[in-house]
Amino acid sequence: MFISQFTLESDKTNEQTLKAIMKKKMSETMNAAGLLSFECWVNETQEKIAYSHVIKWESKEHFQICVRESHAKGGGVKKPELPITKTVRQYEWVDIDLL
């Protein structure tokens, strides 16, 4: 299993832009081969808001294929001219007993 996490954070004044970007990303990903689950999380403070997609894949290869296909179609997330912080994290499953 492989997990990718994609987070966008900005001032609350940019919330609608963040939502639009995240909805686009979700629609590009929902029918991808190897997709196990797709969740959207939010973290909100008084002044900031962050939306995060946590996506579980059968394998890292499935994730990489989805990214390549998305970029080939002109997809991917193009950072708007707003103060938005983009963070991408990736996790691979590990058996803790083998560490």
Protein backbone atom coordinates (compact mmCIF):
# COMPACT_ATOMS: atom_id res chain seq x y z
CA MET A 1 0.00 0.00 0.00
CA PHE A 2 1.09 3.57 -0.71
CA ILE A 3 -0.38 6.81 0.65
CA SER A 4 -0.11 10.24 -0.92
CA GLN A 5 -1.12 13.40 0.91
CA PHE A 6 -1.65 16.66 -0.94
CA THR A 7 -2.34 19.80 1.15
CA LEU A 8 -3.13 23.37 0.19
CA GLU A 9 -3.14 26.08 2.85
CA SER A 10 -3.96 29.77 2.64
CA ASP A 11 -5.73 32.64 4.32
CA LYS A 12 -9.46 32.10 4.78
CA THR A 13 -10.12 34.77 2.16
CA ASN A 14 -8.88 32.25 -0.44
CA GLU A 15 -11.07 29.37 0.75
CA GLN A 16 -13.22 29.19 -2.40
CA THR A 17 -10.12 28.99 -4.60
CA LEU A 18 -8.72 26.17 -2.45
CA LYS A 19 -12.02 24.28 -2.68
CA ALA A 20 -12.09 24.64 -6.47
CA ILE A 21 -8.53 23.32 -6.81
CA MET A 22 -9.22 20.39 -4.49
CA LYS A 23 -12.46 19.47 -6.31
CA LYS A 24 -10.59 19.49 -9.63
CA LYS A 25 -7.86 17.25 -8.20
CA MET A 26 -10.47 14.88 -6.81
CA SER A 27 -12.30 14.58 -10.14
CA GLU A 28 -9.00 13.86 -11.93
CA THR A 29 -8.17 11.06 -9.50
CA MET A 30 -11.43 9.26 -8.67
CA ASN A 31 -11.32 6.72 -11.53
CA ALA A 32 -7.59 6.01 -11.43
CA ALA A 33 -6.39 2.42 -11.55
CA GLY A 34 -5.12 1.20 -8.20
CA LEU A 35 -7.08 3.76 -6.15
CA LEU A 36 -8.17 2.25 -2.83
CA SER A 37 -9.62 5.28 -1.05
CA PHE A 38 -9.80 9.04 -1.31
CA GLU A 39 -10.48 11.34 1.64
CA CYS A 40 -10.53 15.10 2.06
CA TRP A 41 -9.60 16.64 5.41
CA VAL A 42 -9.71 20.22 6.64
CA ASN A 43 -7.69 22.08 9.27
CA GLU A 44 -8.98 25.50 10.20
CA THR A 45 -7.60 28.21 12.47
CA GLN A 46 -8.84 31.73 13.04
CA GLU A 47 -7.01 33.09 9.98
CA LYS A 48 -5.88 30.06 7.93
CA ILE A 49 -7.54 27.11 6.26
CA ALA A 50 -5.96 23.98 4.84
CA TYR A 51 -7.52 21.20 2.77
CA SER A 52 -5.74 17.89 2.48
CA HIS A 53 -6.39 14.90 0.23
CA VAL A 54 -5.28 11.61 1.72
CA ILE A 55 -5.23 9.00 -1.02
CA LYS A 56 -4.53 5.29 -0.58
CA TRP A 57 -3.13 3.35 -3.53
CA GLU A 58 -2.47 -0.32 -4.17
CA SER A 59 1.16 0.57 -4.91
CA LYS A 60 3.56 3.45 -5.52
CA GLU A 61 3.51 2.52 -9.21
CA HIS A 62 -0.26 3.14 -9.42
CA PHE A 63 0.26 6.59 -7.89
CA GLN A 64 3.09 7.40 -10.32
CA ILE A 65 0.99 6.32 -13.33
CA CYS A 66 -1.88 8.55 -12.19
CA VAL A 67 0.45 11.54 -11.80
CA ARG A 68 2.04 10.97 -15.23
CA GLU A 69 -1.36 10.66 -16.92
CA SER A 70 -2.67 13.76 -15.16
CA HIS A 71 0.33 15.83 -16.21
CA ALA A 72 0.18 14.49 -19.77
CA LYS A 73 -3.42 15.72 -20.02
CA GLY A 74 -2.35 19.14 -18.81
CA GLY A 75 -3.67 18.39 -15.34
CA GLY A 76 -1.91 18.69 -12.07
CA VAL A 77 -2.28 21.69 -9.86
CA LYS A 78 -1.01 24.96 -11.18
CA LYS A 79 -0.42 27.30 -8.29
CA PRO A 80 -2.59 30.40 -8.67
CA GLU A 81 -1.22 33.85 -8.08
CA LEU A 82 -2.35 33.73 -4.47
CA PRO A 83 -0.45 33.11 -1.23
CA ILE A 84 -1.11 29.35 -1.19
CA THR A 85 1.24 26.83 0.39
CA LYS A 86 1.33 23.42 -1.30
CA THR A 87 2.68 20.39 0.57
CA VAL A 88 2.97 16.88 -0.86
CA ARG A 89 3.88 13.90 1.29
CA GLN A 90 4.15 10.23 0.45
CA TYR A 91 4.16 7.21 2.73
CA GLU A 92 4.92 3.56 2.18
CA TRP A 93 3.67 0.83 4.47
CA VAL A 94 6.24 -0.71 6.77
CA ASP A 95 6.08 -3.67 9.13
CA ILE A 96 7.17 -2.15 12.43
CA ASP A 97 8.55 -5.50 13.58
CA LEU A 98 11.07 -5.43 10.73
CA LEU A 99 12.57 -2.08 11.75
